Amino acid sequence: MENDLEHLKYPIGRYQKPEARTPELMQEWINVLTLLPSWMDACIENLDEAQLHVPYREGGWTIQQVVHHVADSHMNAFIRLKLALTEDNPTVKPYDENAWSQLEDVKQVPVNISVTMLHTIHRRMVTILKNMKETDWERTYFHPQYQKSFPLWEMVALYAWHSQHHTEHVRRLRDRMNWW
């Protein structure tokens, strides 16, 4: 049972920091970030209001909360990217994702609004990533929650994982419920 819960929480496994970056990995991560908005389109396609309020696992977020969370999280990633490219190791602002998932916008705003945001944020983010100089990948931001600086290449790896992680939450719920 515990193994089942772990698999429901982390359908593609827990994030593991890559030991290093390679051109092939970088391209793979950027491809994932390019594709995420279309994946989210497919994940929510033809779902009704009741289905959007089903949690992907017992005690987990609903589909609606997951989709809005991905938009919130990736907005923060976009800002962190721009800060790291324009400032010297800026300190970023952590946020309480669970508290954000309970706010009225998450409850009232249709999920397609957040998917549209993902299309626009990722278009801009991927444009920056594809045009970064080699030295830009080593630029960092400081995350006070972890008391550590993160290089931009690691941020890209993390958000590529995050994209797949939450897409799989929704996709696998749809599979289990036969909602295709």
N, C-alpha and C. Protein backbone atom coordinates (compact mmCIF):
# COMPACT_ATOMS: atom_id res chain seq x y z
N MET A 1 0.83 -1.20 0.00
CA MET A 1 0.00 0.00 0.00
C MET A 1 0.87 1.26 0.00
N GLU A 2 1.92 1.27 0.85
CA GLU A 2 2.80 2.43 0.91
C GLU A 2 3.50 2.64 -0.43
N ASN A 3 3.88 1.55 -1.08
CA ASN A 3 4.50 1.64 -2.39
C ASN A 3 3.52 2.22 -3.41
N ASP A 4 2.23 1.84 -3.31
CA ASP A 4 1.21 2.38 -4.20
C ASP A 4 1.07 3.89 -3.98
N LEU A 5 1.07 4.32 -2.72
CA LEU A 5 0.96 5.75 -2.42
C LEU A 5 2.17 6.50 -2.98
N GLU A 6 3.35 5.94 -2.82
CA GLU A 6 4.56 6.57 -3.36
C GLU A 6 4.44 6.72 -4.88
N HIS A 7 3.92 5.68 -5.53
CA HIS A 7 3.76 5.73 -6.99
C HIS A 7 2.70 6.75 -7.40
N LEU A 8 1.64 6.89 -6.61
CA LEU A 8 0.62 7.90 -6.91
C LEU A 8 1.17 9.31 -6.69
N LYS A 9 1.97 9.48 -5.64
CA LYS A 9 2.57 10.80 -5.36
C LYS A 9 3.62 11.16 -6.39
N TYR A 10 4.44 10.18 -6.77
CA TYR A 10 5.58 10.43 -7.66
C TYR A 10 5.53 9.45 -8.83
N PRO A 11 4.61 9.68 -9.77
CA PRO A 11 4.42 8.70 -10.85
C PRO A 11 5.64 8.51 -11.75
N ILE A 12 6.53 9.48 -11.81
CA ILE A 12 7.76 9.31 -12.60
C ILE A 12 8.98 9.22 -11.70
N GLY A 13 8.74 9.03 -10.41
CA GLY A 13 9.82 8.98 -9.43
C GLY A 13 10.10 10.36 -8.86
N ARG A 14 10.77 10.38 -7.74
CA ARG A 14 11.16 11.65 -7.11
C ARG A 14 12.23 12.33 -7.97
N TYR A 15 12.26 13.65 -7.86
CA TYR A 15 13.28 14.40 -8.59
C TYR A 15 14.67 14.00 -8.10
N GLN A 16 15.54 13.76 -9.04
CA GLN A 16 16.94 13.51 -8.73
C GLN A 16 17.79 14.48 -9.54
N LYS A 17 18.56 15.27 -8.84
CA LYS A 17 19.42 16.24 -9.51
C LYS A 17 20.40 15.50 -10.41
N PRO A 18 20.48 15.92 -11.66
CA PRO A 18 21.49 15.32 -12.54
C PRO A 18 22.89 15.64 -12.03
N GLU A 19 23.80 14.72 -12.26
CA GLU A 19 25.18 14.95 -11.82
C GLU A 19 25.85 16.06 -12.61
N ALA A 20 25.45 16.20 -13.86
CA ALA A 20 26.03 17.23 -14.72
C ALA A 20 25.06 17.50 -15.85
N ARG A 21 25.35 18.53 -16.58
CA ARG A 21 24.52 18.82 -17.75
C ARG A 21 25.28 18.43 -19.01
N THR A 22 24.56 17.94 -19.96
CA THR A 22 25.14 17.63 -21.27
C THR A 22 24.28 18.32 -22.31
N PRO A 23 24.80 18.54 -23.50
CA PRO A 23 23.96 19.15 -24.54
C PRO A 23 22.69 18.34 -24.81
N GLU A 24 22.80 17.02 -24.73
CA GLU A 24 21.64 16.17 -24.98
C GLU A 24 20.58 16.34 -23.88
N LEU A 25 21.02 16.37 -22.63
CA LEU A 25 20.08 16.59 -21.53
C LEU A 25 19.44 17.96 -21.61
N MET A 26 20.26 18.97 -21.90
CA MET A 26 19.72 20.33 -22.01
C MET A 26 18.63 20.38 -23.07
N GLN A 27 18.88 19.77 -24.22
CA GLN A 27 17.89 19.76 -25.29
C GLN A 27 16.63 19.03 -24.86
N GLU A 28 16.81 17.91 -24.17
CA GLU A 28 15.65 17.15 -23.67
C GLU A 28 14.81 17.98 -22.71
N TRP A 29 15.46 18.67 -21.77
CA TRP A 29 14.73 19.48 -20.80
C TRP A 29 14.00 20.63 -21.49
N ILE A 30 14.65 21.27 -22.43
CA ILE A 30 14.00 22.37 -23.16
C ILE A 30 12.84 21.84 -23.98
N ASN A 31 12.99 20.66 -24.57
CA ASN A 31 11.88 20.06 -25.32
C ASN A 31 10.68 19.81 -24.42
N VAL A 32 10.92 19.32 -23.21
CA VAL A 32 9.82 19.08 -22.27
C VAL A 32 9.12 20.40 -21.95
N LEU A 33 9.90 21.45 -21.69
CA LEU A 33 9.30 22.74 -21.38
C LEU A 33 8.53 23.31 -22.57
N THR A 34 8.99 23.00 -23.77
CA THR A 34 8.27 23.42 -24.97
C THR A 34 6.93 22.70 -25.07
N LEU A 35 6.92 21.43 -24.74
CA LEU A 35 5.73 20.59 -24.92
C LEU A 35 4.71 20.69 -23.78
N LEU A 36 5.13 21.10 -22.60
CA LEU A 36 4.22 21.09 -21.45
C LEU A 36 2.87 21.73 -21.73
N PRO A 37 2.78 22.93 -22.29
CA PRO A 37 1.45 23.51 -22.49
C PRO A 37 0.52 22.63 -23.33
N SER A 38 1.04 22.01 -24.36
CA SER A 38 0.22 21.11 -25.18
C SER A 38 -0.19 19.87 -24.39
N TRP A 39 0.72 19.37 -23.56
CA TRP A 39 0.37 18.23 -22.71
C TRP A 39 -0.78 18.60 -21.77
N MET A 40 -0.72 19.81 -21.19
CA MET A 40 -1.80 20.24 -20.29
C MET A 40 -3.11 20.40 -21.06
N ASP A 41 -3.03 20.91 -22.28
CA ASP A 41 -4.24 20.97 -23.12
C ASP A 41 -4.88 19.60 -23.21
N ALA A 42 -4.08 18.59 -23.53
CA ALA A 42 -4.59 17.23 -23.68
C ALA A 42 -5.12 16.69 -22.36
N CYS A 43 -4.47 17.03 -21.26
CA CYS A 43 -4.88 16.52 -19.95
C CYS A 43 -6.28 17.01 -19.54
N ILE A 44 -6.62 18.23 -19.90
CA ILE A 44 -7.91 18.77 -19.46
C ILE A 44 -8.99 18.66 -20.52
N GLU A 45 -8.62 18.24 -21.71
CA GLU A 45 -9.58 18.19 -22.82
C GLU A 45 -10.82 17.36 -22.46
N ASN A 46 -11.97 17.97 -22.64
CA ASN A 46 -13.29 17.34 -22.45
C ASN A 46 -13.60 16.92 -21.02
N LEU A 47 -12.86 17.41 -20.04
CA LEU A 47 -13.22 17.11 -18.66
C LEU A 47 -14.34 18.04 -18.21
N ASP A 48 -15.28 17.50 -17.47
CA ASP A 48 -16.37 18.34 -16.96
C ASP A 48 -16.01 18.86 -15.56
N GLU A 49 -16.86 19.72 -15.04
CA GLU A 49 -16.60 20.36 -13.75
C GLU A 49 -16.39 19.34 -12.64
N ALA A 50 -17.19 18.31 -12.61
CA ALA A 50 -17.06 17.28 -11.56
C ALA A 50 -15.71 16.57 -11.66
N GLN A 51 -15.29 16.25 -12.86
CA GLN A 51 -14.00 15.57 -13.05
C GLN A 51 -12.84 16.45 -12.62
N LEU A 52 -12.94 17.75 -12.88
CA LEU A 52 -11.87 18.67 -12.48
C LEU A 52 -11.69 18.74 -10.97
N HIS A 53 -12.71 18.34 -10.23
CA HIS A 53 -12.65 18.41 -8.77
C HIS A 53 -12.32 17.06 -8.13
N VAL A 54 -11.86 16.11 -8.93
CA VAL A 54 -11.43 14.81 -8.41
C VAL A 54 -9.93 14.89 -8.12
N PRO A 55 -9.53 14.47 -6.91
CA PRO A 55 -8.09 14.47 -6.61
C PRO A 55 -7.38 13.34 -7.34
N TYR A 56 -6.14 13.57 -7.70
CA TYR A 56 -5.37 12.55 -8.42
C TYR A 56 -5.02 11.36 -7.52
N ARG A 57 -5.12 11.58 -6.22
CA ARG A 57 -4.95 10.50 -5.24
C ARG A 57 -5.66 10.95 -3.97
N GLU A 58 -5.96 9.99 -3.09
CA GLU A 58 -6.60 10.34 -1.83
C GLU A 58 -5.69 11.29 -1.06
N GLY A 59 -6.25 12.41 -0.64
CA GLY A 59 -5.49 13.42 0.09
C GLY A 59 -4.66 14.33 -0.80
N GLY A 60 -4.72 14.12 -2.11
CA GLY A 60 -3.95 14.94 -3.05
C GLY A 60 -4.80 16.08 -3.61
N TRP A 61 -4.17 16.88 -4.43
CA TRP A 61 -4.87 17.98 -5.07
C TRP A 61 -5.82 17.47 -6.14
N THR A 62 -6.82 18.28 -6.43
CA THR A 62 -7.72 17.99 -7.54
C THR A 62 -7.01 18.34 -8.85
N ILE A 63 -7.58 17.89 -9.94
CA ILE A 63 -7.03 18.25 -11.25
C ILE A 63 -6.97 19.77 -11.37
N GLN A 64 -8.03 20.43 -10.95
CA GLN A 64 -8.07 21.89 -11.03
C GLN A 64 -6.91 22.51 -10.26
N GLN A 65 -6.66 22.03 -9.04
CA GLN A 65 -5.56 22.55 -8.25
C GLN A 65 -4.21 22.25 -8.89
N VAL A 66 -4.05 21.07 -9.46
CA VAL A 66 -2.79 20.71 -10.11
C VAL A 66 -2.50 21.65 -11.27
N VAL A 67 -3.48 21.87 -12.12
CA VAL A 67 -3.26 22.72 -13.30
C VAL A 67 -2.91 24.14 -12.88
N HIS A 68 -3.66 24.70 -11.92
CA HIS A 68 -3.34 26.05 -11.46
C HIS A 68 -1.98 26.08 -10.76
N HIS A 69 -1.64 25.03 -10.02
CA HIS A 69 -0.33 24.96 -9.37
C HIS A 69 0.81 25.00 -10.39
N VAL A 70 0.67 24.24 -11.46
CA VAL A 70 1.73 24.22 -12.47
C VAL A 70 1.94 25.63 -13.02
N ALA A 71 0.85 26.32 -13.30
CA ALA A 71 0.98 27.70 -13.80
C ALA A 71 1.65 28.60 -12.76
N ASP A 72 1.23 28.49 -11.50
CA ASP A 72 1.84 29.30 -10.44
C ASP A 72 3.33 29.01 -10.32
N SER A 73 3.66 27.74 -10.29
CA SER A 73 5.04 27.32 -10.12
C SER A 73 5.91 27.78 -11.29
N HIS A 74 5.41 27.63 -12.49
CA HIS A 74 6.21 27.97 -13.66
C HIS A 74 6.30 29.48 -13.87
N MET A 75 5.31 30.23 -13.38
CA MET A 75 5.45 31.70 -13.35
C MET A 75 6.63 32.07 -12.46
N ASN A 76 6.72 31.43 -11.31
CA ASN A 76 7.85 31.68 -10.41
C ASN A 76 9.17 31.29 -11.06
N ALA A 77 9.18 30.18 -11.77
CA ALA A 77 10.41 29.75 -12.46
C ALA A 77 10.84 30.78 -13.50
N PHE A 78 9.88 31.30 -14.24
CA PHE A 78 10.17 32.30 -15.26
C PHE A 78 10.80 33.55 -14.63
N ILE A 79 10.23 34.00 -13.52
CA ILE A 79 10.78 35.17 -12.82
C ILE A 79 12.17 34.87 -12.27
N ARG A 80 12.36 33.67 -11.73
CA ARG A 80 13.67 33.29 -11.20
C ARG A 80 14.72 33.25 -12.31
N LEU A 81 14.32 32.75 -13.46
CA LEU A 81 15.21 32.72 -14.63
C LEU A 81 15.65 34.14 -14.98
N LYS A 82 14.70 35.05 -15.09
CA LYS A 82 15.03 36.42 -15.47
C LYS A 82 15.87 37.13 -14.41
N LEU A 83 15.54 36.87 -13.14
CA LEU A 83 16.35 37.47 -12.07
C LEU A 83 17.78 36.97 -12.13
N ALA A 84 17.96 35.67 -12.30
CA ALA A 84 19.31 35.10 -12.32
C ALA A 84 20.11 35.59 -13.51
N LEU A 85 19.44 35.89 -14.60
CA LEU A 85 20.15 36.39 -15.79
C LEU A 85 20.49 37.87 -15.70
N THR A 86 19.84 38.59 -14.79
CA THR A 86 20.05 40.04 -14.74
C THR A 86 20.63 40.54 -13.42
N GLU A 87 20.75 39.64 -12.44
CA GLU A 87 21.31 40.02 -11.14
C GLU A 87 22.34 38.97 -10.73
N ASP A 88 23.16 39.34 -9.77
CA ASP A 88 24.18 38.42 -9.28
C ASP A 88 23.64 37.60 -8.12
N ASN A 89 23.34 36.31 -8.36
CA ASN A 89 22.84 35.38 -7.36
C ASN A 89 21.71 35.98 -6.52
N PRO A 90 20.63 36.43 -7.16
CA PRO A 90 19.53 37.05 -6.39
C PRO A 90 18.86 36.04 -5.46
N THR A 91 18.35 36.54 -4.36
CA THR A 91 17.56 35.72 -3.44
C THR A 91 16.13 35.71 -3.96
N VAL A 92 15.59 34.52 -4.15
CA VAL A 92 14.21 34.39 -4.65
C VAL A 92 13.26 34.24 -3.47
N LYS A 93 12.01 34.50 -3.72
CA LYS A 93 10.98 34.43 -2.69
C LYS A 93 10.31 33.07 -2.73
N PRO A 94 10.44 32.28 -1.66
CA PRO A 94 9.69 31.03 -1.60
C PRO A 94 8.21 31.35 -1.42
N TYR A 95 7.36 30.38 -1.68
CA TYR A 95 5.93 30.57 -1.45
C TYR A 95 5.34 29.25 -0.98
N ASP A 96 4.21 29.34 -0.31
CA ASP A 96 3.52 28.18 0.24
C ASP A 96 2.54 27.66 -0.81
N GLU A 97 2.98 26.65 -1.57
CA GLU A 97 2.15 26.14 -2.67
C GLU A 97 0.82 25.57 -2.18
N ASN A 98 0.79 24.98 -1.00
CA ASN A 98 -0.48 24.47 -0.47
C ASN A 98 -1.44 25.60 -0.15
N ALA A 99 -0.93 26.68 0.44
CA ALA A 99 -1.79 27.84 0.71
C ALA A 99 -2.28 28.46 -0.60
N TRP A 100 -1.40 28.55 -1.60
CA TRP A 100 -1.81 29.10 -2.89
C TRP A 100 -2.92 28.23 -3.51
N SER A 101 -2.85 26.91 -3.31
CA SER A 101 -3.84 26.01 -3.91
C SER A 101 -5.23 26.18 -3.30
N GLN A 102 -5.33 26.90 -2.18
CA GLN A 102 -6.62 27.13 -1.52
C GLN A 102 -7.20 28.51 -1.82
N LEU A 103 -6.49 29.34 -2.57
CA LEU A 103 -6.97 30.69 -2.85
C LEU A 103 -8.14 30.66 -3.83
N GLU A 104 -8.90 31.74 -3.84
CA GLU A 104 -10.12 31.81 -4.63
C GLU A 104 -9.88 31.71 -6.14
N ASP A 105 -8.74 32.19 -6.62
CA ASP A 105 -8.51 32.07 -8.06
C ASP A 105 -8.45 30.61 -8.47
N VAL A 106 -7.87 29.78 -7.63
CA VAL A 106 -7.77 28.35 -7.93
C VAL A 106 -9.16 27.71 -7.90
N LYS A 107 -10.01 28.18 -7.03
CA LYS A 107 -11.36 27.64 -6.92
C LYS A 107 -12.29 28.14 -8.03
N GLN A 108 -12.11 29.38 -8.47
CA GLN A 108 -13.10 30.00 -9.34
C GLN A 108 -12.69 30.17 -10.80
N VAL A 109 -11.42 30.29 -11.07
CA VAL A 109 -10.97 30.56 -12.44
C VAL A 109 -10.88 29.24 -13.22
N PRO A 110 -11.44 29.21 -14.42
CA PRO A 110 -11.36 27.98 -15.23
C PRO A 110 -9.91 27.59 -15.50
N VAL A 111 -9.67 26.27 -15.55
CA VAL A 111 -8.30 25.78 -15.74
C VAL A 111 -7.71 26.19 -17.07
N ASN A 112 -8.54 26.42 -18.08
CA ASN A 112 -7.99 26.80 -19.38
C ASN A 112 -7.26 28.14 -19.31
N ILE A 113 -7.59 28.97 -18.33
CA ILE A 113 -6.87 30.24 -18.15
C ILE A 113 -5.42 29.94 -17.75
N SER A 114 -5.22 29.00 -16.84
CA SER A 114 -3.86 28.64 -16.44
C SER A 114 -3.12 27.93 -17.56
N VAL A 115 -3.82 27.15 -18.36
CA VAL A 115 -3.15 26.50 -19.49
C VAL A 115 -2.72 27.55 -20.51
N THR A 116 -3.56 28.54 -20.73
CA THR A 116 -3.18 29.65 -21.62
C THR A 116 -1.95 30.37 -21.06
N MET A 117 -1.92 30.58 -19.75
CA MET A 117 -0.74 31.18 -19.13
C MET A 117 0.50 30.34 -19.38
N LEU A 118 0.35 29.01 -19.28
CA LEU A 118 1.50 28.14 -19.54
C LEU A 118 1.99 28.29 -20.97
N HIS A 119 1.07 28.42 -21.91
CA HIS A 119 1.48 28.63 -23.31
C HIS A 119 2.32 29.91 -23.43
N THR A 120 1.88 30.97 -22.80
CA THR A 120 2.60 32.25 -22.95
C THR A 120 3.91 32.26 -22.15
N ILE A 121 3.86 31.79 -20.92
CA ILE A 121 5.08 31.76 -20.08
C ILE A 121 6.14 30.86 -20.72
N HIS A 122 5.73 29.69 -21.17
CA HIS A 122 6.70 28.76 -21.74
C HIS A 122 7.24 29.25 -23.08
N ARG A 123 6.43 29.92 -23.83
CA ARG A 123 6.94 30.49 -25.09
C ARG A 123 8.07 31.47 -24.80
N ARG A 124 7.86 32.32 -23.81
CA ARG A 124 8.88 33.29 -23.45
C ARG A 124 10.08 32.61 -22.79
N MET A 125 9.81 31.68 -21.88
CA MET A 125 10.90 30.98 -21.18
C MET A 125 11.78 30.22 -22.16
N VAL A 126 11.16 29.46 -23.05
CA VAL A 126 11.93 28.65 -24.00
C VAL A 126 12.72 29.55 -24.95
N THR A 127 12.16 30.68 -25.32
CA THR A 127 12.91 31.62 -26.16
C THR A 127 14.18 32.07 -25.46
N ILE A 128 14.07 32.39 -24.18
CA ILE A 128 15.27 32.77 -23.42
C ILE A 128 16.25 31.61 -23.36
N LEU A 129 15.75 30.43 -23.01
CA LEU A 129 16.64 29.27 -22.84
C LEU A 129 17.38 28.93 -24.12
N LYS A 130 16.71 29.02 -25.24
CA LYS A 130 17.35 28.67 -26.52
C LYS A 130 18.38 29.71 -26.95
N ASN A 131 18.36 30.87 -26.33
CA ASN A 131 19.27 31.94 -26.73
C ASN A 131 20.30 32.29 -25.65
N MET A 132 20.41 31.46 -24.63
CA MET A 132 21.38 31.73 -23.57
C MET A 132 22.79 31.37 -24.03
N LYS A 133 23.74 32.14 -23.52
CA LYS A 133 25.15 31.83 -23.76
C LYS A 133 25.56 30.69 -22.84
N GLU A 134 26.62 30.03 -23.17
CA GLU A 134 27.11 28.92 -22.36
C GLU A 134 27.33 29.33 -20.91
N THR A 135 27.88 30.51 -20.70
CA THR A 135 28.14 30.97 -19.33
C THR A 135 26.86 31.27 -18.55
N ASP A 136 25.77 31.57 -19.25
CA ASP A 136 24.50 31.86 -18.58
C ASP A 136 23.97 30.67 -17.80
N TRP A 137 24.25 29.46 -18.27
CA TRP A 137 23.72 28.27 -17.62
C TRP A 137 24.24 28.10 -16.20
N GLU A 138 25.40 28.70 -15.91
CA GLU A 138 25.99 28.60 -14.58
C GLU A 138 25.56 29.74 -13.65
N ARG A 139 24.82 30.69 -14.18
CA ARG A 139 24.31 31.78 -13.33
C ARG A 139 23.37 31.16 -12.30
N THR A 140 23.28 31.79 -11.14
CA THR A 140 22.55 31.19 -10.02
C THR A 140 21.54 32.14 -9.41
N TYR A 141 20.63 31.55 -8.66
CA TYR A 141 19.80 32.29 -7.72
C TYR A 141 19.89 31.56 -6.38
N PHE A 142 19.67 32.31 -5.31
CA PHE A 142 19.72 31.75 -3.96
C PHE A 142 18.31 31.49 -3.47
N HIS A 143 18.06 30.27 -3.01
CA HIS A 143 16.75 29.89 -2.49
C HIS A 143 16.86 29.77 -0.97
N PRO A 144 16.27 30.72 -0.21
CA PRO A 144 16.46 30.71 1.24
C PRO A 144 15.85 29.50 1.95
N GLN A 145 14.83 28.89 1.37
CA GLN A 145 14.23 27.70 1.99
C GLN A 145 15.23 26.55 2.05
N TYR A 146 16.06 26.43 1.02
CA TYR A 146 17.06 25.36 0.95
C TYR A 146 18.45 25.82 1.35
N GLN A 147 18.61 27.14 1.58
CA GLN A 147 19.90 27.72 1.94
C GLN A 147 20.98 27.32 0.95
N LYS A 148 20.63 27.47 -0.33
CA LYS A 148 21.57 27.05 -1.38
C LYS A 148 21.31 27.85 -2.65
N SER A 149 22.37 27.99 -3.43
CA SER A 149 22.26 28.61 -4.75
C SER A 149 22.05 27.52 -5.79
N PHE A 150 21.18 27.81 -6.74
CA PHE A 150 20.87 26.87 -7.82
C PHE A 150 21.33 27.45 -9.15
N PRO A 151 22.13 26.71 -9.91
CA PRO A 151 22.47 27.17 -11.26
C PRO A 151 21.24 27.01 -12.17
N LEU A 152 21.19 27.83 -13.20
CA LEU A 152 20.03 27.80 -14.09
C LEU A 152 19.86 26.46 -14.79
N TRP A 153 20.95 25.78 -15.11
CA TRP A 153 20.78 24.49 -15.76
C TRP A 153 20.04 23.51 -14.84
N GLU A 154 20.28 23.61 -13.53
CA GLU A 154 19.58 22.73 -12.59
C GLU A 154 18.11 23.13 -12.47
N MET A 155 17.82 24.42 -12.52
CA MET A 155 16.43 24.86 -12.50
C MET A 155 15.68 24.30 -13.70
N VAL A 156 16.31 24.31 -14.86
CA VAL A 156 15.66 23.79 -16.07
C VAL A 156 15.41 22.29 -15.92
N ALA A 157 16.35 21.56 -15.36
CA ALA A 157 16.16 20.12 -15.12
C ALA A 157 14.98 19.90 -14.16
N LEU A 158 14.93 20.68 -13.09
CA LEU A 158 13.86 20.54 -12.10
C LEU A 158 12.49 20.82 -12.72
N TYR A 159 12.38 21.89 -13.49
CA TYR A 159 11.07 22.23 -14.05
C TYR A 159 10.67 21.32 -15.20
N ALA A 160 11.62 20.71 -15.86
CA ALA A 160 11.27 19.67 -16.84
C ALA A 160 10.68 18.48 -16.10
N TRP A 161 11.33 18.09 -14.99
CA TRP A 161 10.78 17.00 -14.17
C TRP A 161 9.39 17.38 -13.66
N HIS A 162 9.25 18.60 -13.13
CA HIS A 162 7.99 19.09 -12.57
C HIS A 162 6.88 19.03 -13.62
N SER A 163 7.21 19.37 -14.84
CA SER A 163 6.23 19.33 -15.94
C SER A 163 5.72 17.91 -16.14
N GLN A 164 6.62 16.97 -16.22
CA GLN A 164 6.24 15.57 -16.44
C GLN A 164 5.53 14.99 -15.21
N HIS A 165 6.00 15.34 -14.04
CA HIS A 165 5.45 14.86 -12.77
C HIS A 165 3.95 15.17 -12.68
N HIS A 166 3.59 16.43 -12.89
CA HIS A 166 2.18 16.81 -12.74
C HIS A 166 1.33 16.41 -13.95
N THR A 167 1.91 16.40 -15.11
CA THR A 167 1.17 15.90 -16.27
C THR A 167 0.77 14.44 -16.03
N GLU A 168 1.69 13.68 -15.49
CA GLU A 168 1.40 12.27 -15.23
C GLU A 168 0.36 12.09 -14.12
N HIS A 169 0.32 12.99 -13.14
CA HIS A 169 -0.75 12.91 -12.14
C HIS A 169 -2.11 12.92 -12.83
N VAL A 170 -2.29 13.87 -13.72
CA VAL A 170 -3.59 14.01 -14.38
C VAL A 170 -3.81 12.90 -15.39
N ARG A 171 -2.83 12.62 -16.20
CA ARG A 171 -2.98 11.59 -17.23
C ARG A 171 -3.30 10.23 -16.63
N ARG A 172 -2.60 9.88 -15.56
CA ARG A 172 -2.83 8.56 -14.95
C ARG A 172 -4.18 8.49 -14.24
N LEU A 173 -4.63 9.60 -13.66
CA LEU A 173 -5.98 9.62 -13.10
C LEU A 173 -7.00 9.39 -14.21
N ARG A 174 -6.82 10.06 -15.33
CA ARG A 174 -7.74 9.86 -16.46
C ARG A 174 -7.72 8.41 -16.92
N ASP A 175 -6.55 7.80 -16.94
CA ASP A 175 -6.46 6.38 -17.31
C ASP A 175 -7.23 5.51 -16.32
N ARG A 176 -6.99 5.74 -15.01
CA ARG A 176 -7.65 4.92 -13.99
C ARG A 176 -9.17 5.07 -14.04
N MET A 177 -9.63 6.29 -14.37
CA MET A 177 -11.07 6.57 -14.39
C MET A 177 -11.68 6.32 -15.78
N ASN A 178 -10.85 5.98 -16.74
CA ASN A 178 -11.31 5.76 -18.13
C ASN A 178 -12.03 6.99 -18.68
N TRP A 179 -11.40 8.16 -18.53
CA TRP A 179 -11.97 9.43 -18.94
C TRP A 179 -11.48 9.89 -20.31
N TRP A 180 -11.00 9.01 -21.13
CA TRP A 180 -10.50 9.43 -22.45
C TRP A 180 -11.54 9.31 -23.50
